Amino acid sequence: MTETPTMRLAAMVGGVVLTLFAGYALGRAVDAPTSLGTQVAAGSADHTHPAGTAPHVHGSDTGTGTGSGADGQVSGLSVSVAGYTLVPEQTQLPVGDEVDLRFRIVGPDQRAVTDFAVVHDKPMHLIVARRDLTGFQHLHPELASDGTWSIPLRLTAPGVWRMYGDFTVTDPAGTPVALTLGVDLVAAGDYQPVALPAASDTAQAGEFTVRMQGVPQRGVVAPLLFQVSAADGAVPTLEPYLGAYGHLVALRAGDLGYLHVHPEAELVDGAVKFWLTAPSAGDYRLFLDFQVAGVVHTAEFTVTVS
């Protein structure tokens, strides 16, 4: 049979269509997005959490499961992620006065979420810090039946403060989804920013000295150990606080990107051990909470990642 121009044109069009379809199928196979909850579940499989902790990750709303922003992303930079939005009742607060901070987490259905997983003994971890990385507070608000969270809060100085809600919800597929949402709070007045303290591996927390061993590295999972000692050099007995021997929050200077990591279940030679990956070069402020004799103390460190 003699090939006609019409037959040649049909063959060319068919080839283009097949090529486009194959490329689309390959793209779907390689780049098909999974749900945030699926990514979280997959990423958490090799992570051991302290007793009383629901499956979760920290630090990256992209769901990598590293808990430390290994993909270059951090949490807390957005007020809304994966359809969940942090909605405070007010964002302008007075200086020095204790006020009742109230907020809701609104879900993809535009309703206030009322079902939260208990992670490290609490369904909500609220972190507040001024944008110059001073005034750190780690709080645990109460949830009302209508989905409103509330907690007494005092902003001690004028300026812009960052409020983070660190929590875990269950998506429609029944998968735990850990998120950290952030929003700015404003305390009007004469703002006098405080310079970031120099990098140091030693910090004072009340009567205790805390020494940090290890250096956070960009893109590499590295151990950090924190050894607590009293004024006489004795090592105090660390007590579990919120289901763990310590809690570590890292805020990135510049944009206040948020990392929240938790330690290994047991102490290592009396020290609290974390695994952390720095998502980028730059300065970070680390806040370590630990408990001795029923009292929670916070040690603060500045680290520089090159």
C-alpha atoms as a PDB file:
ATOM      1  CA  MET A   1       0.000   0.000   0.000  1.00  0.00           C
ATOM      2  CA  THR A   2       1.351   3.408  -0.955  1.00  0.00           C
ATOM      3  CA  GLU A   3       1.850   5.816   1.998  1.00  0.00           C
ATOM      4  CA  THR A   4      -0.045   9.067   1.497  1.00  0.00           C
ATOM      5  CA  PRO A   5       0.647  12.486   3.131  1.00  0.00           C
ATOM      6  CA  THR A   6      -2.484  12.047   5.231  1.00  0.00           C
ATOM      7  CA  MET A   7      -1.222   8.708   6.575  1.00  0.00           C
ATOM      8  CA  ARG A   8       2.173  10.239   7.405  1.00  0.00           C
ATOM      9  CA  LEU A   9       0.492  13.121   9.306  1.00  0.00           C
ATOM     10  CA  ALA A  10      -1.650  10.709  11.322  1.00  0.00           C
ATOM     11  CA  ALA A  11       1.398   8.672  12.278  1.00  0.00           C
ATOM     12  CA  MET A  12       3.251  11.797  13.413  1.00  0.00           C
ATOM     13  CA  VAL A  13       0.320  12.981  15.544  1.00  0.00           C
ATOM     14  CA  GLY A  14      -0.057   9.542  17.083  1.00  0.00           C
ATOM     15  CA  GLY A  15       3.632   9.479  17.983  1.00  0.00           C
ATOM     16  CA  VAL A  16       3.447  12.867  19.653  1.00  0.00           C
ATOM     17  CA  VAL A  17       0.399  11.786  21.679  1.00  0.00           C
ATOM     18  CA  LEU A  18       2.118   8.576  22.791  1.00  0.00           C
ATOM     19  CA  THR A  19       5.255  10.500  23.753  1.00  0.00           C
ATOM     20  CA  LEU A  20       3.279  13.016  25.792  1.00  0.00           C
ATOM     21  CA  PHE A  21       1.313  10.261  27.531  1.00  0.00           C
ATOM     22  CA  ALA A  22       4.489   8.333  28.363  1.00  0.00           C
ATOM     23  CA  GLY A  23       6.123  11.474  29.723  1.00  0.00           C
ATOM     24  CA  TYR A  24       3.059  12.232  31.837  1.00  0.00           C
ATOM     25  CA  ALA A  25       3.005   8.677  33.216  1.00  0.00           C
ATOM     26  CA  LEU A  26       6.716   8.810  34.014  1.00  0.00           C
ATOM     27  CA  GLY A  27       6.303  12.172  35.712  1.00  0.00           C
ATOM     28  CA  ARG A  28       3.460  10.785  37.796  1.00  0.00           C
ATOM     29  CA  ALA A  29       5.579   7.787  38.774  1.00  0.00           C
ATOM     30  CA  VAL A  30       8.611   9.866  39.718  1.00  0.00           C
ATOM     31  CA  ASP A  31       7.097  13.077  41.072  1.00  0.00           C
ATOM     32  CA  ALA A  32       3.648  12.055  42.263  1.00  0.00           C
ATOM     33  CA  PRO A  33       3.077  13.829  45.555  1.00  0.00           C
ATOM     34  CA  THR A  34       2.067  11.813  48.559  1.00  0.00           C
ATOM     35  CA  SER A  35      -0.107  13.165  51.321  1.00  0.00           C
ATOM     36  CA  LEU A  36       1.645  14.988  54.126  1.00  0.00           C
ATOM     37  CA  GLY A  37       0.432  12.344  56.531  1.00  0.00           C
ATOM     38  CA  THR A  38       1.885   9.541  54.405  1.00  0.00           C
ATOM     39  CA  GLN A  39       5.255  11.280  54.285  1.00  0.00           C
ATOM     40  CA  VAL A  40       5.209  11.775  58.037  1.00  0.00           C
ATOM     41  CA  ALA A  41       4.372   8.137  58.691  1.00  0.00           C
ATOM     42  CA  ALA A  42       7.110   6.936  56.357  1.00  0.00           C
ATOM     43  CA  GLY A  43       9.709   9.304  57.745  1.00  0.00           C
ATOM     44  CA  SER A  44       9.013   8.367  61.351  1.00  0.00           C
ATOM     45  CA  ALA A  45       9.463   4.642  60.961  1.00  0.00           C
ATOM     46  CA  ASP A  46      13.084   4.594  62.131  1.00  0.00           C
ATOM     47  CA  HIS A  47      12.709   7.155  64.919  1.00  0.00           C
ATOM     48  CA  THR A  48      12.337   6.085  68.551  1.00  0.00           C
ATOM     49  CA  HIS A  49      10.183   8.375  70.665  1.00  0.00           C
ATOM     50  CA  PRO A  50      10.077   8.490  74.465  1.00  0.00           C
ATOM     51  CA  ALA A  51       7.288   6.649  76.232  1.00  0.00           C
ATOM     52  CA  GLY A  52       3.891   8.297  76.037  1.00  0.00           C
ATOM     53  CA  THR A  53       4.599   9.903  72.680  1.00  0.00           C
ATOM     54  CA  ALA A  54       2.428   9.527  69.611  1.00  0.00           C
ATOM     55  CA  PRO A  55       4.131   8.985  66.210  1.00  0.00           C
ATOM     56  CA  HIS A  56       5.335  12.377  65.011  1.00  0.00           C
ATOM     57  CA  VAL A  57       8.175  14.361  63.519  1.00  0.00           C
ATOM     58  CA  HIS A  58       9.501  17.805  64.344  1.00  0.00           C
ATOM     59  CA  GLY A  59      11.032  20.666  62.517  1.00  0.00           C
ATOM     60  CA  SER A  60       9.917  20.272  58.908  1.00  0.00           C
ATOM     61  CA  ASP A  61       6.387  20.710  57.637  1.00  0.00           C
ATOM     62  CA  THR A  62       7.446  18.989  54.441  1.00  0.00           C
ATOM     63  CA  GLY A  63       7.219  15.710  56.297  1.00  0.00           C
ATOM     64  CA  THR A  64      10.758  14.454  55.825  1.00  0.00           C
ATOM     65  CA  GLY A  65      10.674  12.813  59.221  1.00  0.00           C
ATOM     66  CA  THR A  66      14.164  13.923  60.139  1.00  0.00           C
ATOM     67  CA  GLY A  67      12.894  16.326  62.759  1.00  0.00           C
ATOM     68  CA  SER A  68      15.693  18.659  61.831  1.00  0.00           C
ATOM     69  CA  GLY A  69      15.041  20.199  58.449  1.00  0.00           C
ATOM     70  CA  ALA A  70      17.464  17.993  56.513  1.00  0.00           C
ATOM     71  CA  ASP A  71      15.803  19.029  53.245  1.00  0.00           C
ATOM     72  CA  GLY A  72      16.614  22.689  53.865  1.00  0.00           C
ATOM     73  CA  GLN A  73      13.134  23.489  55.144  1.00  0.00           C
ATOM     74  CA  VAL A  74      12.068  24.457  58.631  1.00  0.00           C
ATOM     75  CA  SER A  75       8.712  24.913  60.323  1.00  0.00           C
ATOM     76  CA  GLY A  76       6.970  27.866  61.881  1.00  0.00           C
ATOM     77  CA  LEU A  77       7.431  30.217  58.932  1.00  0.00           C
ATOM     78  CA  SER A  78       3.814  29.904  57.811  1.00  0.00           C
ATOM     79  CA  VAL A  79       0.505  30.546  59.532  1.00  0.00           C
ATOM     80  CA  SER A  80      -1.127  27.842  57.402  1.00  0.00           C
ATOM     81  CA  VAL A  81       0.143  24.440  56.215  1.00  0.00           C
ATOM     82  CA  ALA A  82      -1.694  21.474  54.656  1.00  0.00           C
ATOM     83  CA  GLY A  83      -5.049  23.191  55.165  1.00  0.00           C
ATOM     84  CA  TYR A  84      -4.495  23.837  58.894  1.00  0.00           C
ATOM     85  CA  THR A  85      -4.343  27.473  60.042  1.00  0.00           C
ATOM     86  CA  LEU A  86      -3.321  29.102  63.312  1.00  0.00           C
ATOM     87  CA  VAL A  87      -5.939  31.744  64.185  1.00  0.00           C
ATOM     88  CA  PRO A  88      -5.223  33.934  67.262  1.00  0.00           C
ATOM     89  CA  GLU A  89      -8.043  36.051  68.666  1.00  0.00           C
ATOM     90  CA  GLN A  90      -5.652  38.985  69.007  1.00  0.00           C
ATOM     91  CA  THR A  91      -2.144  39.746  67.814  1.00  0.00           C
ATOM     92  CA  GLN A  92      -1.545  43.052  69.638  1.00  0.00           C
ATOM     93  CA  LEU A  93      -0.723  42.569  73.317  1.00  0.00           C
ATOM     94  CA  PRO A  94       0.324  44.952  76.086  1.00  0.00           C
ATOM     95  CA  VAL A  95       3.815  44.969  77.569  1.00  0.00           C
ATOM     96  CA  GLY A  96       4.267  43.592  81.060  1.00  0.00           C
ATOM     97  CA  ASP A  97       0.638  42.663  81.725  1.00  0.00           C
ATOM     98  CA  GLU A  98      -0.492  39.056  81.844  1.00  0.00           C
ATOM     99  CA  VAL A  99      -3.270  38.488  79.329  1.00  0.00           C
ATOM    100  CA  ASP A 100      -5.262  35.444  78.306  1.00  0.00           C
ATOM    101  CA  LEU A 101      -3.891  34.424  74.907  1.00  0.00           C
ATOM    102  CA  ARG A 102      -6.599  32.597  72.947  1.00  0.00           C
ATOM    103  CA  PHE A 103      -6.310  30.889  69.565  1.00  0.00           C
ATOM    104  CA  ARG A 104      -7.708  28.097  67.420  1.00  0.00           C
ATOM    105  CA  ILE A 105      -6.383  25.647  64.859  1.00  0.00           C
ATOM    106  CA  VAL A 106      -8.787  25.734  61.912  1.00  0.00           C
ATOM    107  CA  GLY A 107      -8.763  22.613  59.732  1.00  0.00           C
ATOM    108  CA  PRO A 108      -9.310  22.056  55.995  1.00  0.00           C
ATOM    109  CA  ASP A 109     -13.078  21.982  56.626  1.00  0.00           C
ATOM    110  CA  GLN A 110     -12.869  25.530  58.058  1.00  0.00           C
ATOM    111  CA  ARG A 111     -13.864  24.276  61.499  1.00  0.00           C
ATOM    112  CA  ALA A 112     -11.868  24.513  64.704  1.00  0.00           C
ATOM    113  CA  VAL A 113      -9.966  21.282  65.339  1.00  0.00           C
ATOM    114  CA  THR A 114     -10.833  19.650  68.659  1.00  0.00           C
ATOM    115  CA  ASP A 115      -8.988  16.319  68.364  1.00  0.00           C
ATOM    116  CA  PHE A 116      -5.230  16.478  68.980  1.00  0.00           C
ATOM    117  CA  ALA A 117      -2.738  13.699  69.698  1.00  0.00           C
ATOM    118  CA  VAL A 118      -0.905  13.811  73.010  1.00  0.00           C
ATOM    119  CA  VAL A 119       2.796  14.239  72.205  1.00  0.00           C
ATOM    120  CA  HIS A 120       5.253  14.356  75.107  1.00  0.00           C
ATOM    121  CA  ASP A 121       2.413  14.434  77.610  1.00  0.00           C
ATOM    122  CA  LYS A 122       0.695  17.456  76.016  1.00  0.00           C
ATOM    123  CA  PRO A 123      -1.596  17.981  73.005  1.00  0.00           C
ATOM    124  CA  MET A 124      -0.157  21.457  72.305  1.00  0.00           C
ATOM    125  CA  HIS A 125       3.310  22.927  72.793  1.00  0.00           C
ATOM    126  CA  LEU A 126       3.270  26.709  72.493  1.00  0.00           C
ATOM    127  CA  ILE A 127       6.612  28.458  71.961  1.00  0.00           C
ATOM    128  CA  VAL A 128       6.947  32.244  72.187  1.00  0.00           C
ATOM    129  CA  ALA A 129      10.103  34.287  71.545  1.00  0.00           C
ATOM    130  CA  ARG A 130      10.882  37.841  70.514  1.00  0.00           C
ATOM    131  CA  ARG A 131      12.360  38.267  67.055  1.00  0.00           C
ATOM    132  CA  ASP A 132      15.772  39.122  68.498  1.00  0.00           C
ATOM    133  CA  LEU A 133      15.631  35.601  70.065  1.00  0.00           C
ATOM    134  CA  THR A 134      15.106  36.819  73.637  1.00  0.00           C
ATOM    135  CA  GLY A 135      12.227  36.093  76.017  1.00  0.00           C
ATOM    136  CA  PHE A 136      11.856  32.390  75.177  1.00  0.00           C
ATOM    137  CA  GLN A 137       8.783  30.700  76.707  1.00  0.00           C
ATOM    138  CA  HIS A 138       7.605  27.077  76.390  1.00  0.00           C
ATOM    139  CA  LEU A 139       3.925  26.910  77.399  1.00  0.00           C
ATOM    140  CA  HIS A 140       1.078  24.398  77.385  1.00  0.00           C
ATOM    141  CA  PRO A 141      -2.350  25.948  76.835  1.00  0.00           C
ATOM    142  CA  GLU A 142      -5.692  24.380  77.732  1.00  0.00           C
ATOM    143  CA  LEU A 143      -8.235  23.298  75.111  1.00  0.00           C
ATOM    144  CA  ALA A 144     -11.937  24.150  75.440  1.00  0.00           C
ATOM    145  CA  SER A 145     -14.674  21.992  73.914  1.00  0.00           C
ATOM    146  CA  ASP A 146     -15.207  24.501  71.083  1.00  0.00           C
ATOM    147  CA  GLY A 147     -11.578  24.173  69.921  1.00  0.00           C
ATOM    148  CA  THR A 148     -10.273  27.342  71.582  1.00  0.00           C
ATOM    149  CA  TRP A 149      -6.863  27.155  73.239  1.00  0.00           C
ATOM    150  CA  SER A 150      -6.011  29.570  76.055  1.00  0.00           C
ATOM    151  CA  ILE A 151      -2.999  30.339  78.232  1.00  0.00           C
ATOM    152  CA  PRO A 152      -1.907  33.293  80.405  1.00  0.00           C
ATOM    153  CA  LEU A 153       0.927  35.089  78.589  1.00  0.00           C
ATOM    154  CA  ARG A 154       3.135  38.024  79.528  1.00  0.00           C
ATOM    155  CA  LEU A 155       5.310  39.760  76.936  1.00  0.00           C
ATOM    156  CA  THR A 156       8.084  41.352  78.941  1.00  0.00           C
ATOM    157  CA  ALA A 157       9.335  43.927  76.421  1.00  0.00           C
ATOM    158  CA  PRO A 158       8.138  45.846  73.356  1.00  0.00           C
ATOM    159  CA  GLY A 159       8.748  44.379  69.935  1.00  0.00           C
ATOM    160  CA  VAL A 160       7.534  41.724  67.545  1.00  0.00           C
ATOM    161  CA  TRP A 161       7.231  38.273  69.067  1.00  0.00           C
ATOM    162  CA  ARG A 162       6.836  34.968  67.245  1.00  0.00           C
ATOM    163  CA  MET A 163       4.246  32.491  68.489  1.00  0.00           C
ATOM    164  CA  TYR A 164       4.514  28.837  67.418  1.00  0.00           C
ATOM    165  CA  GLY A 165       1.876  26.143  67.813  1.00  0.00           C
ATOM    166  CA  ASP A 166       3.553  22.705  67.766  1.00  0.00           C
ATOM    167  CA  PHE A 167       0.956  19.926  67.596  1.00  0.00           C
ATOM    168  CA  THR A 168      -0.144  16.681  65.952  1.00  0.00           C
ATOM    169  CA  VAL A 169      -3.521  16.048  64.337  1.00  0.00           C
ATOM    170  CA  THR A 170      -4.966  13.071  62.482  1.00  0.00           C
ATOM    171  CA  ASP A 171      -5.730  13.509  58.788  1.00  0.00           C
ATOM    172  CA  PRO A 172      -8.870  12.051  57.122  1.00  0.00           C
ATOM    173  CA  ALA A 173      -6.925   8.869  56.319  1.00  0.00           C
ATOM    174  CA  GLY A 174      -6.209   8.332  60.021  1.00  0.00           C
ATOM    175  CA  THR A 175      -2.516   9.231  59.777  1.00  0.00           C
ATOM    176  CA  PRO A 176      -0.868  11.420  62.440  1.00  0.00           C
ATOM    177  CA  VAL A 177       0.325  14.721  60.966  1.00  0.00           C
ATOM    178  CA  ALA A 178       2.784  16.826  62.991  1.00  0.00           C
ATOM    179  CA  LEU A 179       2.736  20.545  62.225  1.00  0.00           C
ATOM    180  CA  THR A 180       4.250  23.745  63.559  1.00  0.00           C
ATOM    181  CA  LEU A 181       2.427  26.939  62.608  1.00  0.00           C
ATOM    182  CA  GLY A 182       3.624  30.438  63.443  1.00  0.00           C
ATOM    183  CA  VAL A 183       2.251  33.966  63.673  1.00  0.00           C
ATOM    184  CA  ASP A 184       3.634  37.286  64.902  1.00  0.00           C
ATOM    185  CA  LEU A 185       2.441  39.037  68.054  1.00  0.00           C
ATOM    186  CA  VAL A 186       3.085  42.761  68.499  1.00  0.00           C
ATOM    187  CA  ALA A 187       3.845  44.514  71.794  1.00  0.00           C
ATOM    188  CA  ALA A 188       3.853  48.248  71.113  1.00  0.00           C
ATOM    189  CA  GLY A 189       6.542  50.467  72.600  1.00  0.00           C
ATOM    190  CA  ASP A 190      10.166  51.527  72.272  1.00  0.00           C
ATOM    191  CA  TYR A 191      11.828  48.462  70.776  1.00  0.00           C
ATOM    192  CA  GLN A 192      15.464  48.031  71.770  1.00  0.00           C
ATOM    193  CA  PRO A 193      16.787  44.887  70.077  1.00  0.00           C
ATOM    194  CA  VAL A 194      19.346  42.765  71.905  1.00  0.00           C
ATOM    195  CA  ALA A 195      22.378  41.518  69.984  1.00  0.00           C
ATOM    196  CA  LEU A 196      22.687  37.758  69.590  1.00  0.00           C
ATOM    197  CA  PRO A 197      25.161  36.424  72.178  1.00  0.00           C
ATOM    198  CA  ALA A 198      28.421  35.003  70.865  1.00  0.00           C
ATOM    199  CA  ALA A 199      28.566  31.299  70.060  1.00  0.00           C
ATOM    200  CA  SER A 200      29.474  29.200  73.090  1.00  0.00           C
ATOM    201  CA  ASP A 201      29.328  25.603  74.210  1.00  0.00           C
ATOM    202  CA  THR A 202      28.543  26.595  77.818  1.00  0.00           C
ATOM    203  CA  ALA A 203      25.401  28.185  79.234  1.00  0.00           C
ATOM    204  CA  GLN A 204      24.112  29.058  82.670  1.00  0.00           C
ATOM    205  CA  ALA A 205      20.596  27.994  83.694  1.00  0.00           C
ATOM    206  CA  GLY A 206      19.935  29.302  87.190  1.00  0.00           C
ATOM    207  CA  GLU A 207      22.265  27.478  89.554  1.00  0.00           C
ATOM    208  CA  PHE A 208      23.317  24.973  86.896  1.00  0.00           C
ATOM    209  CA  THR A 209      25.988  25.016  84.217  1.00  0.00           C
ATOM    210  CA  VAL A 210      25.193  23.203  80.977  1.00  0.00           C
ATOM    211  CA  ARG A 211      27.921  22.146  78.549  1.00  0.00           C
ATOM    212  CA  MET A 212      27.163  21.202  74.962  1.00  0.00           C
ATOM    213  CA  GLN A 213      29.269  18.621  73.135  1.00  0.00           C
ATOM    214  CA  GLY A 214      29.060  18.425  69.364  1.00  0.00           C
ATOM    215  CA  VAL A 215      28.436  20.920  66.582  1.00  0.00           C
ATOM    216  CA  PRO A 216      25.317  21.070  64.381  1.00  0.00           C
ATOM    217  CA  GLN A 217      26.215  20.508  60.756  1.00  0.00           C
ATOM    218  CA  ARG A 218      24.477  21.549  57.580  1.00  0.00           C
ATOM    219  CA  GLY A 219      22.816  18.601  55.860  1.00  0.00           C
ATOM    220  CA  VAL A 220      24.446  16.025  58.157  1.00  0.00           C
ATOM    221  CA  VAL A 221      22.806  14.315  61.122  1.00  0.00           C
ATOM    222  CA  ALA A 222      25.088  14.989  64.095  1.00  0.00           C
ATOM    223  CA  PRO A 223      24.810  14.198  67.817  1.00  0.00           C
ATOM    224  CA  LEU A 224      24.518  16.924  70.441  1.00  0.00           C
ATOM    225  CA  LEU A 225      25.022  16.047  74.112  1.00  0.00           C
ATOM    226  CA  PHE A 226      24.177  18.315  77.025  1.00  0.00           C
ATOM    227  CA  GLN A 227      25.785  17.730  80.427  1.00  0.00           C
ATOM    228  CA  VAL A 228      24.267  19.495  83.436  1.00  0.00           C
ATOM    229  CA  SER A 229      26.370  20.204  86.534  1.00  0.00           C
ATOM    230  CA  ALA A 230      25.823  22.092  89.805  1.00  0.00           C
ATOM    231  CA  ALA A 231      27.988  24.904  91.155  1.00  0.00           C
ATOM    232  CA  ASP A 232      30.129  22.422  93.104  1.00  0.00           C
ATOM    233  CA  GLY A 233      30.662  20.305  90.000  1.00  0.00           C
ATOM    234  CA  ALA A 234      28.242  17.562  91.067  1.00  0.00           C
ATOM    235  CA  VAL A 235      25.964  16.070  88.427  1.00  0.00           C
ATOM    236  CA  PRO A 236      22.325  16.509  89.484  1.00  0.00           C
ATOM    237  CA  THR A 237      19.643  13.894  88.912  1.00  0.00           C
ATOM    238  CA  LEU A 238      17.725  14.856  85.802  1.00  0.00           C
ATOM    239  CA  GLU A 239      14.024  14.068  85.953  1.00  0.00           C
ATOM    240  CA  PRO A 240      11.716  13.260  83.035  1.00  0.00           C
ATOM    241  CA  TYR A 241       9.886  16.375  81.923  1.00  0.00           C
ATOM    242  CA  LEU A 242       6.946  15.927  79.546  1.00  0.00           C
ATOM    243  CA  GLY A 243       7.998  12.352  78.895  1.00  0.00           C
ATOM    244  CA  ALA A 244      11.669  13.035  78.142  1.00  0.00           C
ATOM    245  CA  TYR A 245      14.891  14.074  79.889  1.00  0.00           C
ATOM    246  CA  GLY A 246      15.086  17.245  77.837  1.00  0.00           C
ATOM    247  CA  HIS A 247      13.473  19.306  75.107  1.00  0.00           C
ATOM    248  CA  LEU A 248      15.434  21.248  72.534  1.00  0.00           C
ATOM    249  CA  VAL A 249      14.077  24.061  70.381  1.00  0.00           C
ATOM    250  CA  ALA A 250      16.318  25.722  67.783  1.00  0.00           C
ATOM    251  CA  LEU A 251      15.378  29.029  66.135  1.00  0.00           C
ATOM    252  CA  ARG A 252      17.257  30.254  63.081  1.00  0.00           C
ATOM    253  CA  ALA A 253      18.389  33.874  63.302  1.00  0.00           C
ATOM    254  CA  GLY A 254      16.991  36.028  60.505  1.00  0.00           C
ATOM    255  CA  ASP A 255      13.671  34.327  59.829  1.00  0.00           C
ATOM    256  CA  LEU A 256      13.081  32.412  63.101  1.00  0.00           C
ATOM    257  CA  GLY A 257      12.704  29.090  61.317  1.00  0.00           C
ATOM    258  CA  TYR A 258      11.779  26.509  63.939  1.00  0.00           C
ATOM    259  CA  LEU A 259      13.284  23.138  64.812  1.00  0.00           C
ATOM    260  CA  HIS A 260      11.977  21.052  67.717  1.00  0.00           C
ATOM    261  CA  VAL A 261      13.859  17.858  68.474  1.00  0.00           C
ATOM    262  CA  HIS A 262      13.655  15.362  71.298  1.00  0.00           C
ATOM    263  CA  PRO A 263      16.397  13.247  72.842  1.00  0.00           C
ATOM    264  CA  GLU A 264      17.129   9.596  73.025  1.00  0.00           C
ATOM    265  CA  ALA A 265      14.968   7.831  75.586  1.00  0.00           C
ATOM    266  CA  GLU A 266      17.858   7.219  78.008  1.00  0.00           C
ATOM    267  CA  LEU A 267      20.672   9.411  79.247  1.00  0.00           C
ATOM    268  CA  VAL A 268      24.125   8.801  77.782  1.00  0.00           C
ATOM    269  CA  ASP A 269      26.713   8.870  80.595  1.00  0.00           C
ATOM    270  CA  GLY A 270      24.421  11.261  82.425  1.00  0.00           C
ATOM    271  CA  ALA A 271      24.018  13.581  79.409  1.00  0.00           C
ATOM    272  CA  VAL A 272      20.936  14.293  77.306  1.00  0.00           C
ATOM    273  CA  LYS A 273      21.621  13.260  73.695  1.00  0.00           C
ATOM    274  CA  PHE A 274      19.912  14.689  70.613  1.00  0.00           C
ATOM    275  CA  TRP A 275      20.367  14.141  66.882  1.00  0.00           C
ATOM    276  CA  LEU A 276      20.103  17.291  64.784  1.00  0.00           C
ATOM    277  CA  THR A 277      20.628  18.435  61.217  1.00  0.00           C
ATOM    278  CA  ALA A 278      21.003  22.145  60.498  1.00  0.00           C
ATOM    279  CA  PRO A 279      18.916  23.041  57.431  1.00  0.00           C
ATOM    280  CA  SER A 280      21.259  25.844  56.340  1.00  0.00           C
ATOM    281  CA  ALA A 281      24.333  27.805  57.272  1.00  0.00           C
ATOM    282  CA  GLY A 282      23.877  30.660  59.723  1.00  0.00           C
ATOM    283  CA  ASP A 283      23.341  31.446  63.389  1.00  0.00           C
ATOM    284  CA  TYR A 284      20.901  29.526  65.575  1.00  0.00           C
ATOM    285  CA  ARG A 285      19.705  29.987  69.130  1.00  0.00           C
ATOM    286  CA  LEU A 286      19.184  26.709  71.019  1.00  0.00           C
ATOM    287  CA  PHE A 287      16.868  26.469  74.031  1.00  0.00           C
ATOM    288  CA  LEU A 288      17.227  23.377  76.215  1.00  0.00           C
ATOM    289  CA  ASP A 289      14.550  22.639  78.835  1.00  0.00           C
ATOM    290  CA  PHE A 290      15.425  20.183  81.624  1.00  0.00           C
ATOM    291  CA  GLN A 291      14.061  19.404  85.070  1.00  0.00           C
ATOM    292  CA  VAL A 292      15.811  18.956  88.439  1.00  0.00           C
ATOM    293  CA  ALA A 293      13.960  18.499  91.754  1.00  0.00           C
ATOM    294  CA  GLY A 294      10.633  19.372  90.164  1.00  0.00           C
ATOM    295  CA  VAL A 295      11.838  22.677  88.699  1.00  0.00           C
ATOM    296  CA  VAL A 296      12.208  23.274  84.952  1.00  0.00           C
ATOM    297  CA  HIS A 297      15.285  25.221  83.823  1.00  0.00           C
ATOM    298  CA  THR A 298      16.181  26.576  80.378  1.00  0.00           C
ATOM    299  CA  ALA A 299      19.735  26.805  79.028  1.00  0.00           C
ATOM    300  CA  GLU A 300      20.318  28.980  75.963  1.00  0.00           C
ATOM    301  CA  PHE A 301      23.119  28.565  73.412  1.00  0.00           C
ATOM    302  CA  THR A 302      24.173  30.348  70.238  1.00  0.00           C
ATOM    303  CA  VAL A 303      25.683  28.131  67.536  1.00  0.00           C
ATOM    304  CA  THR A 304      27.056  29.112  64.145  1.00  0.00           C
ATOM    305  CA  VAL A 305      26.734  26.623  61.291  1.00  0.00           C
ATOM    306  CA  SER A 306      29.091  27.118  58.364  1.00  0.00           C
END
